[in-house]
Amino acid sequence: MKKKLLAAFLITVALAGAFAQQQKITVMFQATGDEGKAFKAMFDRFTKDTGIQIEPMFVPHDVYFEKFTAAVASKRVPDVMQLDAPFLANFVWNGYLVPLTGLLDQKVLDDLTPSSRAQGTYPIDGQLYAFGNADSTVLLFGSKKLLKAAGVRIPTGIKDAWTKDEFDDALAKLAKLPDVKWPLDMFRAYGIKTEWATYAFQPVFESFGGKLIDTTTWKAKGALDSPESVAAATEIQSWVKKGYVVPSSSGTNALYRDKDKAALAWGGNWYWSEAYPTMKDDLVAIPLPNFGKGVKSPNGTWIWGITRYAKNPKAAAKFINYLANDKQFAKELPGVYPGLKSWASVLPAYTDPTKMKVAFDQANVAVPRPAYPGYPVITTAFQTAFDNILSGADPKQELSKAAALIDQDSLDHDGYPPFGD
């Protein structure tokens, strides 16, 4: 009898230990500063409400992917991880992530904006592999006073966005104002050889009718160096040649400083929270221009996936579902752009026509960066070409060189099958 009781006791202890181990998940993320504080508070709420412990794995942004690769090699992969949306296809192709089908609540799936759904979807099987409660966009920010002083019409939405000619005319008029040193801040101070170049200016190529890569053949030649893409690059280069663009040496706050001012800023949605405290109601959000093929905007930010190494996918799924429903997290994240329709209701700036509603409307015209395993090479090649073009190099030659590099990488990987099959 004693032996049976002892055996039962040992089984109970083992099961309890296994249960306790299952009720712990590792979460890899890269948030710092105020965003990092919001993450910590959300982690604490999740544990309090579910009993599931979180082992945080903070990795700095600049070495995030190198550290993840090292984690794979050492078999210390997290259960849940953040990843930058344009790199999704690379992670899925390498087998790092599992589909979220059956793991996310249907009400969460129904709540996704079209842009947010696009950033987490793998094109080969059409399945959602990552979830984004946040998203992003790029638009123009301007000074109402300066725009009115120059006699420039201020668009109120996507339907009445500036045309190419109107935008060129606006830059020319703003350049003549005595209080304006540069009409446009393109945020070259971010470092143009960064993801900013691809993220912020791919929409111009798309609006001209160009592309970074043909998403049917998965070839860059004939797409990145097409006449439409060359026209887009030439147009952007012309803004620099005419002296319209804030140089990288002049920082990123030219729109809202007292001297050496810009009149417009081609910036991410987060710029509103940076500029508004100084500019107040003089700040206006304007849709990106329509260069011929409609207004196009970028999307994508750091999104959440469950790795195939997860020891407890159900607990990991609880975490992601919790993210979607934690409205307190929405309020605490600085400068967040809603990836869920319901989040817009708790972020009033995105429903206010006098503030950022136009930014949220752009979720309906968002163009994801190519969902392709070779995207890391696409963006690196584009960044180099774009930087050279802004420095005066021939757009056609630079884009052709970039296209050749991208297509060579594809050849080196046998076309990243099943892409291009």
Protein backbone atom coordinates (compact mmCIF):
# COMPACT_ATOMS: atom_id res chain seq x y z
CA MET A 1 0.00 0.00 0.00
CA LYS A 2 2.81 2.37 0.96
CA LYS A 3 4.54 1.66 -2.35
CA LYS A 4 1.34 2.50 -4.25
CA LEU A 5 0.93 5.74 -2.32
CA LEU A 6 4.55 6.65 -2.94
CA ALA A 7 4.20 5.92 -6.64
CA ALA A 8 1.02 8.01 -6.82
CA PHE A 9 2.76 10.82 -4.97
CA LEU A 10 5.74 10.75 -7.32
CA ILE A 11 3.46 10.79 -10.37
CA THR A 12 1.55 13.76 -8.95
CA VAL A 13 4.80 15.64 -8.32
CA ALA A 14 6.06 14.84 -11.82
CA LEU A 15 2.80 15.98 -13.39
CA ALA A 16 2.82 19.15 -11.32
CA GLY A 17 6.38 19.83 -12.38
CA ALA A 18 5.53 19.22 -16.01
CA PHE A 19 2.48 21.48 -15.73
CA ALA A 20 4.57 24.22 -14.11
CA GLN A 21 7.13 23.91 -16.89
CA GLN A 22 4.37 24.13 -19.51
CA GLN A 23 3.05 27.29 -17.89
CA LYS A 24 6.18 29.22 -18.78
CA ILE A 25 7.00 30.71 -22.16
CA THR A 26 10.05 32.53 -23.45
CA VAL A 27 9.40 35.73 -25.39
CA MET A 28 12.09 37.35 -27.55
CA PHE A 29 11.62 41.07 -28.25
CA GLN A 30 13.58 44.24 -29.04
CA ALA A 31 11.65 47.12 -27.44
CA THR A 32 13.53 49.74 -25.43
CA GLY A 33 12.76 53.00 -23.64
CA ASP A 34 9.09 53.84 -23.15
CA GLU A 35 8.12 51.01 -25.47
CA GLY A 36 10.15 48.60 -23.36
CA LYS A 37 8.35 49.80 -20.23
CA ALA A 38 4.99 49.17 -21.93
CA PHE A 39 6.13 45.64 -22.80
CA LYS A 40 7.16 44.91 -19.21
CA ALA A 41 3.81 46.14 -17.88
CA MET A 42 1.98 44.01 -20.44
CA PHE A 43 4.06 40.92 -19.53
CA ASP A 44 3.16 41.44 -15.86
CA ARG A 45 -0.56 41.79 -16.65
CA PHE A 46 -0.48 38.64 -18.77
CA THR A 47 1.10 36.59 -15.98
CA LYS A 48 -1.31 37.98 -13.40
CA ASP A 49 -4.36 37.24 -15.56
CA THR A 50 -3.32 33.82 -16.91
CA GLY A 51 -0.82 32.38 -14.45
CA ILE A 52 1.61 31.77 -17.33
CA GLN A 53 5.10 32.98 -16.53
CA ILE A 54 7.08 34.90 -19.15
CA GLU A 55 10.82 34.57 -19.47
CA PRO A 56 11.75 37.74 -21.37
CA MET A 57 14.59 37.55 -23.91
CA PHE A 58 15.51 41.13 -24.75
CA VAL A 59 17.79 41.49 -27.78
CA PRO A 60 18.94 44.89 -29.10
CA HIS A 61 17.38 45.93 -32.40
CA ASP A 62 20.67 46.22 -34.29
CA VAL A 63 21.77 42.62 -33.59
CA TYR A 64 18.35 41.01 -33.38
CA PHE A 65 18.58 38.69 -36.37
CA GLU A 66 22.17 37.70 -35.68
CA LYS A 67 21.16 36.73 -32.14
CA PHE A 68 18.17 34.76 -33.39
CA THR A 69 20.40 32.83 -35.80
CA ALA A 70 22.73 32.07 -32.90
CA ALA A 71 19.74 30.93 -30.82
CA VAL A 72 18.74 28.49 -33.58
CA ALA A 73 22.27 27.11 -33.72
CA SER A 74 22.40 26.64 -29.95
CA LYS A 75 18.83 25.27 -29.79
CA ARG A 76 17.74 28.03 -27.41
CA VAL A 77 14.93 29.37 -29.57
CA PRO A 78 12.09 31.27 -27.86
CA ASP A 79 8.47 30.15 -27.88
CA VAL A 80 7.26 33.54 -29.09
CA MET A 81 9.30 36.11 -30.96
CA GLN A 82 9.03 39.50 -32.57
CA LEU A 83 10.21 39.84 -36.14
CA ASP A 84 10.28 42.74 -38.57
CA ALA A 85 7.39 42.22 -41.00
CA PRO A 86 9.31 42.37 -44.31
CA PHE A 87 11.51 39.49 -43.14
CA LEU A 88 8.51 37.20 -42.54
CA ALA A 89 8.92 35.21 -45.78
CA ASN A 90 12.56 34.54 -44.98
CA PHE A 91 11.63 33.18 -41.54
CA VAL A 92 8.78 31.02 -42.88
CA TRP A 93 10.88 29.71 -45.78
CA ASN A 94 13.57 28.70 -43.30
CA GLY A 95 10.99 26.85 -41.23
CA TYR A 96 11.23 28.98 -38.11
CA LEU A 97 7.51 29.81 -37.69
CA VAL A 98 4.24 27.88 -37.52
CA PRO A 99 0.92 29.05 -39.02
CA LEU A 100 -1.42 30.76 -36.57
CA THR A 101 -4.43 28.95 -38.07
CA GLY A 102 -6.47 27.54 -35.21
CA LEU A 103 -4.36 29.34 -32.62
CA LEU A 104 -5.76 32.86 -32.92
CA ASP A 105 -9.35 33.60 -31.95
CA GLN A 106 -11.63 34.28 -34.90
CA LYS A 107 -12.64 37.66 -33.47
CA VAL A 108 -8.97 38.66 -33.53
CA LEU A 109 -8.62 37.58 -37.17
CA ASP A 110 -11.76 39.52 -38.07
CA ASP A 111 -10.38 42.60 -36.31
CA LEU A 112 -7.18 42.82 -38.39
CA THR A 113 -6.93 45.71 -40.83
CA PRO A 114 -6.16 44.72 -44.45
CA SER A 115 -2.66 46.13 -44.03
CA SER A 116 -2.02 44.21 -40.81
CA ARG A 117 -3.25 40.95 -42.31
CA ALA A 118 -0.99 41.48 -45.33
CA GLN A 119 2.13 42.01 -43.24
CA GLY A 120 1.71 38.64 -41.50
CA THR A 121 0.72 36.50 -44.52
CA TYR A 122 3.04 34.16 -46.43
CA PRO A 123 2.17 34.33 -50.15
CA ILE A 124 2.87 30.71 -51.05
CA ASP A 125 0.19 29.15 -48.85
CA GLY A 126 -1.77 32.31 -47.97
CA GLN A 127 -1.62 31.51 -44.27
CA LEU A 128 -1.10 33.96 -41.42
CA TYR A 129 2.20 33.28 -39.66
CA ALA A 130 2.53 36.42 -37.58
CA PHE A 131 0.21 38.80 -35.83
CA GLY A 132 0.54 42.56 -35.58
CA ASN A 133 -1.49 44.48 -33.05
CA ALA A 134 0.47 47.47 -34.34
CA ASP A 135 1.27 48.49 -37.88
CA SER A 136 2.84 51.55 -39.46
CA THR A 137 2.61 53.96 -42.34
CA VAL A 138 4.43 56.91 -43.87
CA LEU A 139 2.78 60.18 -44.77
CA LEU A 140 3.55 63.86 -45.11
CA PHE A 141 3.48 66.15 -42.10
CA GLY A 142 3.26 69.87 -42.69
CA SER A 143 2.92 73.30 -41.15
CA LYS A 144 -0.52 74.72 -41.89
CA LYS A 145 0.83 78.26 -41.57
CA LEU A 146 3.61 77.70 -44.08
CA LEU A 147 1.39 75.85 -46.54
CA LYS A 148 -1.21 78.65 -46.42
CA ALA A 149 1.49 81.32 -46.74
CA ALA A 150 2.74 79.62 -49.89
CA GLY A 151 -0.78 79.31 -51.30
CA VAL A 152 -0.63 75.51 -51.30
CA ARG A 153 -3.83 73.47 -51.07
CA ILE A 154 -3.90 71.08 -48.10
CA PRO A 155 -5.35 67.66 -49.00
CA THR A 156 -7.86 66.23 -46.54
CA GLY A 157 -7.69 62.56 -47.57
CA ILE A 158 -6.53 59.95 -50.03
CA LYS A 159 -9.12 60.93 -52.64
CA ASP A 160 -7.83 64.49 -52.94
CA ALA A 161 -4.12 63.77 -52.47
CA TRP A 162 -1.65 65.91 -54.37
CA THR A 163 -0.78 64.77 -57.88
CA LYS A 164 2.84 64.64 -58.98
CA ASP A 165 2.57 68.07 -60.58
CA GLU A 166 0.85 69.53 -57.51
CA PHE A 167 3.54 68.15 -55.23
CA ASP A 168 6.31 69.56 -57.41
CA ASP A 169 4.50 72.91 -57.44
CA ALA A 170 4.09 72.82 -53.64
CA LEU A 171 7.82 72.22 -53.14
CA ALA A 172 8.69 75.08 -55.50
CA LYS A 173 6.32 77.50 -53.73
CA LEU A 174 7.46 76.49 -50.24
CA ALA A 175 11.11 76.94 -51.26
CA LYS A 176 10.41 80.63 -51.90
CA LEU A 177 9.17 81.36 -48.38
CA PRO A 178 11.70 83.35 -46.30
CA ASP A 179 11.05 81.17 -43.23
CA VAL A 180 11.77 77.92 -45.08
CA LYS A 181 15.31 76.67 -45.65
CA TRP A 182 14.25 73.34 -47.16
CA PRO A 183 10.73 72.44 -48.31
CA LEU A 184 11.07 68.74 -47.50
CA ASP A 185 12.61 66.58 -44.79
CA MET A 186 13.07 63.01 -46.11
CA PHE A 187 14.77 61.99 -42.86
CA ARG A 188 18.13 61.35 -44.45
CA ALA A 189 19.46 61.64 -40.91
CA TYR A 190 17.96 58.20 -40.23
CA GLY A 191 20.74 56.89 -42.42
CA ILE A 192 19.59 56.29 -45.96
CA LYS A 193 21.43 52.94 -46.08
CA THR A 194 18.87 51.52 -43.67
CA GLU A 195 15.46 49.91 -43.95
CA TRP A 196 14.05 53.45 -43.96
CA ALA A 197 15.01 53.88 -47.62
CA THR A 198 13.10 50.81 -48.80
CA TYR A 199 10.23 51.23 -46.37
CA ALA A 200 9.55 54.91 -46.96
CA PHE A 201 10.17 55.20 -50.70
CA GLN A 202 9.01 51.92 -52.22
CA PRO A 203 5.51 53.53 -52.29
CA VAL A 204 6.79 56.17 -54.72
CA PHE A 205 7.97 53.43 -57.07
CA GLU A 206 4.60 51.65 -56.73
CA SER A 207 2.68 54.88 -57.35
CA PHE A 208 4.70 55.42 -60.55
CA GLY A 209 3.85 51.84 -61.60
CA GLY A 210 7.25 50.36 -60.72
CA LYS A 211 8.23 47.54 -58.39
CA LEU A 212 11.22 46.25 -56.48
CA ILE A 213 10.68 42.76 -57.89
CA ASP A 214 8.13 41.09 -60.14
CA THR A 215 5.98 39.06 -57.74
CA THR A 216 4.93 36.65 -60.50
CA THR A 217 8.34 35.69 -61.87
CA TRP A 218 10.31 36.82 -58.80
CA LYS A 219 12.81 38.57 -61.03
CA ALA A 220 14.11 42.07 -60.29
CA LYS A 221 15.38 42.75 -63.79
CA GLY A 222 12.58 44.41 -65.71
CA ALA A 223 10.89 45.50 -62.50
CA LEU A 224 13.37 47.40 -60.35
CA ASP A 225 15.03 48.91 -63.44
CA SER A 226 11.82 49.35 -65.47
CA PRO A 227 11.04 52.75 -67.03
CA GLU A 228 8.46 53.34 -64.27
CA SER A 229 10.96 52.59 -61.49
CA VAL A 230 13.62 54.74 -63.15
CA ALA A 231 11.09 57.59 -63.41
CA ALA A 232 10.35 57.28 -59.69
CA ALA A 233 14.04 57.35 -58.77
CA THR A 234 14.65 60.28 -61.10
CA GLU A 235 11.78 62.21 -59.53
CA ILE A 236 13.11 61.72 -55.99
CA GLN A 237 16.63 62.62 -57.14
CA SER A 238 15.28 65.86 -58.61
CA TRP A 239 14.10 67.01 -55.16
CA VAL A 240 17.67 66.72 -53.90
CA LYS A 241 19.19 68.35 -56.98
CA LYS A 242 16.88 71.35 -56.59
CA GLY A 243 17.99 71.83 -52.98
CA TYR A 244 14.58 70.93 -51.58
CA VAL A 245 15.70 68.18 -49.18
CA VAL A 246 17.08 68.52 -45.65
CA PRO A 247 20.62 67.05 -45.61
CA SER A 248 21.51 64.22 -43.25
CA SER A 249 23.75 66.57 -41.24
CA SER A 250 20.76 68.67 -40.15
CA GLY A 251 18.94 66.16 -37.95
CA THR A 252 15.33 65.04 -37.98
CA ASN A 253 13.38 67.88 -36.36
CA ALA A 254 13.56 70.47 -39.14
CA LEU A 255 9.76 70.78 -39.37
CA TYR A 256 9.28 71.97 -35.81
CA ARG A 257 12.40 73.94 -34.96
CA ASP A 258 12.71 77.72 -34.98
CA LYS A 259 15.56 78.10 -37.47
CA ASP A 260 16.65 76.24 -40.61
CA LYS A 261 13.12 74.99 -40.98
CA ALA A 262 11.46 72.53 -43.30
CA ALA A 263 7.82 72.92 -44.36
CA LEU A 264 7.03 69.26 -44.96
CA ALA A 265 8.30 66.01 -43.47
CA TRP A 266 8.08 62.64 -45.24
CA GLY A 267 7.83 60.70 -42.00
CA GLY A 268 6.52 57.65 -40.21
CA ASN A 269 3.28 57.77 -38.25
CA TRP A 270 5.32 58.02 -35.01
CA TYR A 271 6.48 61.50 -36.07
CA TRP A 272 3.15 62.98 -34.99
CA SER A 273 3.93 62.32 -31.33
CA GLU A 274 7.37 63.90 -31.79
CA ALA A 275 6.20 67.07 -33.55
CA TYR A 276 2.80 67.73 -31.94
CA PRO A 277 4.05 68.88 -28.50
CA THR A 278 5.86 71.78 -30.24
CA MET A 279 3.61 72.51 -33.22
CA LYS A 280 0.19 71.82 -31.66
CA ASP A 281 -2.63 72.61 -34.09
CA ASP A 282 -0.23 73.98 -36.71
CA LEU A 283 0.70 70.35 -37.47
CA VAL A 284 -1.27 68.66 -40.24
CA ALA A 285 -1.10 65.08 -41.53
CA ILE A 286 -1.30 64.77 -45.33
CA PRO A 287 -1.54 61.61 -47.49
CA LEU A 288 1.40 60.69 -49.67
CA PRO A 289 1.10 62.08 -53.21
CA ASN A 290 -0.51 60.21 -56.09
CA PHE A 291 2.25 59.92 -58.70
CA GLY A 292 -0.06 58.37 -61.27
CA LYS A 293 -1.14 54.93 -60.09
CA GLY A 294 -2.92 56.04 -56.93
CA VAL A 295 -1.77 56.81 -53.40
CA LYS A 296 0.45 54.02 -52.10
CA SER A 297 1.76 53.72 -48.58
CA PRO A 298 4.08 51.27 -46.84
CA ASN A 299 3.15 49.03 -43.98
CA GLY A 300 4.88 46.70 -41.59
CA THR A 301 6.45 46.85 -38.19
CA TRP A 302 7.58 44.38 -35.55
CA ILE A 303 5.04 41.57 -35.39
CA TRP A 304 4.60 38.41 -33.30
CA GLY A 305 5.04 34.78 -34.31
CA ILE A 306 5.15 31.38 -32.62
CA THR A 307 8.27 29.38 -33.42
CA ARG A 308 8.17 25.74 -34.43
CA TYR A 309 10.40 25.09 -31.41
CA ALA A 310 7.70 26.25 -28.95
CA LYS A 311 7.28 23.74 -26.12
CA ASN A 312 3.72 24.87 -25.44
CA PRO A 313 2.07 26.39 -28.52
CA LYS A 314 -1.25 26.77 -26.68
CA ALA A 315 0.32 28.95 -23.98
CA ALA A 316 2.13 30.90 -26.71
CA ALA A 317 -1.19 31.39 -28.52
CA LYS A 318 -2.77 32.64 -25.29
CA PHE A 319 -0.05 35.28 -25.16
CA ILE A 320 -0.72 36.49 -28.70
CA ASN A 321 -4.49 36.53 -28.18
CA TYR A 322 -3.87 38.50 -25.00
CA LEU A 323 -1.89 41.08 -26.96
CA ALA A 324 -4.87 41.62 -29.24
CA ASN A 325 -7.26 42.24 -26.38
CA ASP A 326 -5.06 44.29 -24.05
CA LYS A 327 -6.36 47.80 -24.70
CA GLN A 328 -4.15 49.11 -21.89
CA PHE A 329 -1.14 48.04 -23.96
CA ALA A 330 -2.54 50.05 -26.89
CA LYS A 331 -2.69 53.15 -24.73
CA GLU A 332 0.80 52.69 -23.27
CA LEU A 333 2.70 52.08 -26.50
CA PRO A 334 4.24 55.39 -27.67
CA GLY A 335 3.32 56.54 -31.18
CA VAL A 336 1.56 53.27 -32.00
CA TYR A 337 -0.37 52.81 -35.26
CA PRO A 338 -3.38 50.47 -34.90
CA GLY A 339 -3.06 47.08 -36.57
CA LEU A 340 -6.53 46.20 -35.29
CA LYS A 341 -9.70 48.08 -36.15
CA SER A 342 -10.74 48.04 -32.50
CA TRP A 343 -7.46 49.63 -31.41
CA ALA A 344 -8.31 52.77 -33.38
CA SER A 345 -11.15 53.42 -30.95
CA VAL A 346 -8.73 53.66 -28.00
CA LEU A 347 -6.24 55.75 -29.97
CA PRO A 348 -8.43 58.79 -30.72
CA ALA A 349 -5.86 60.59 -32.88
CA TYR A 350 -6.45 57.92 -35.56
CA THR A 351 -10.19 58.58 -35.74
CA ASP A 352 -9.90 62.39 -35.66
CA PRO A 353 -10.00 64.02 -39.13
CA THR A 354 -8.02 66.98 -37.74
CA LYS A 355 -5.21 64.69 -36.56
CA MET A 356 -4.19 61.24 -37.84
CA LYS A 357 -7.30 59.76 -39.44
CA VAL A 358 -5.71 60.04 -42.88
CA ALA A 359 -2.82 57.90 -41.63
CA PHE A 360 -5.21 55.14 -40.56
CA ASP A 361 -7.08 55.43 -43.87
CA GLN A 362 -3.83 54.64 -45.66
CA ALA A 363 -4.05 51.10 -44.25
CA ASN A 364 -6.45 50.51 -47.17
CA VAL A 365 -3.83 51.38 -49.80
CA ALA A 366 -0.79 49.85 -48.12
CA VAL A 367 1.74 48.03 -50.31
CA PRO A 368 3.80 45.47 -48.36
CA ARG A 369 7.46 45.14 -49.12
CA PRO A 370 7.99 41.96 -51.19
CA ALA A 371 7.12 38.84 -49.17
CA TYR A 372 10.07 36.88 -50.51
CA PRO A 373 12.80 34.85 -48.79
CA GLY A 374 15.44 36.90 -50.57
CA TYR A 375 14.11 40.16 -49.15
CA PRO A 376 17.25 40.83 -47.05
CA VAL A 377 19.22 41.07 -50.33
CA ILE A 378 16.47 43.10 -52.04
CA THR A 379 16.52 45.77 -49.36
CA THR A 380 20.31 45.90 -49.07
CA ALA A 381 20.72 46.28 -52.84
CA PHE A 382 17.98 48.91 -53.00
CA GLN A 383 19.41 50.90 -50.10
CA THR A 384 22.80 51.13 -51.79
CA ALA A 385 21.30 52.13 -55.13
CA PHE A 386 18.98 54.68 -53.50
CA ASP A 387 21.82 56.28 -51.58
CA ASN A 388 23.94 56.54 -54.72
CA ILE A 389 21.01 58.03 -56.66
CA LEU A 390 20.41 60.69 -54.03
CA SER A 391 24.13 61.47 -54.27
CA GLY A 392 23.78 62.11 -58.00
CA ALA A 393 24.43 58.74 -59.68
CA ASP A 394 22.54 57.66 -62.78
CA PRO A 395 19.19 56.10 -61.68
CA LYS A 396 19.00 53.55 -64.52
CA GLN A 397 22.53 52.26 -63.94
CA GLU A 398 22.13 52.02 -60.17
CA LEU A 399 18.78 50.22 -60.33
CA SER A 400 20.10 47.81 -62.97
CA LYS A 401 23.07 46.94 -60.73
CA ALA A 402 20.73 46.38 -57.80
CA ALA A 403 18.44 44.18 -59.91
CA ALA A 404 21.42 42.07 -61.01
CA LEU A 405 22.48 41.51 -57.39
CA ILE A 406 18.97 40.46 -56.40
CA ASP A 407 18.60 38.04 -59.30
CA GLN A 408 22.04 36.56 -58.66
CA ASP A 409 21.06 35.86 -55.06
CA SER A 410 17.94 34.12 -56.36
CA LEU A 411 20.08 31.97 -58.67
CA ASP A 412 22.38 31.14 -55.78
CA HIS A 413 19.37 29.79 -53.89
CA ASP A 414 17.80 27.98 -56.86
CA GLY A 415 15.02 30.56 -57.00
CA TYR A 416 13.97 30.01 -53.38
CA PRO A 417 11.54 27.22 -54.36
CA PRO A 418 8.56 27.18 -54.48
CA PHE A 419 8.87 30.86 -55.41
CA GLY A 420 9.07 31.25 -59.16
CA ASP A 421 8.11 27.66 -59.85
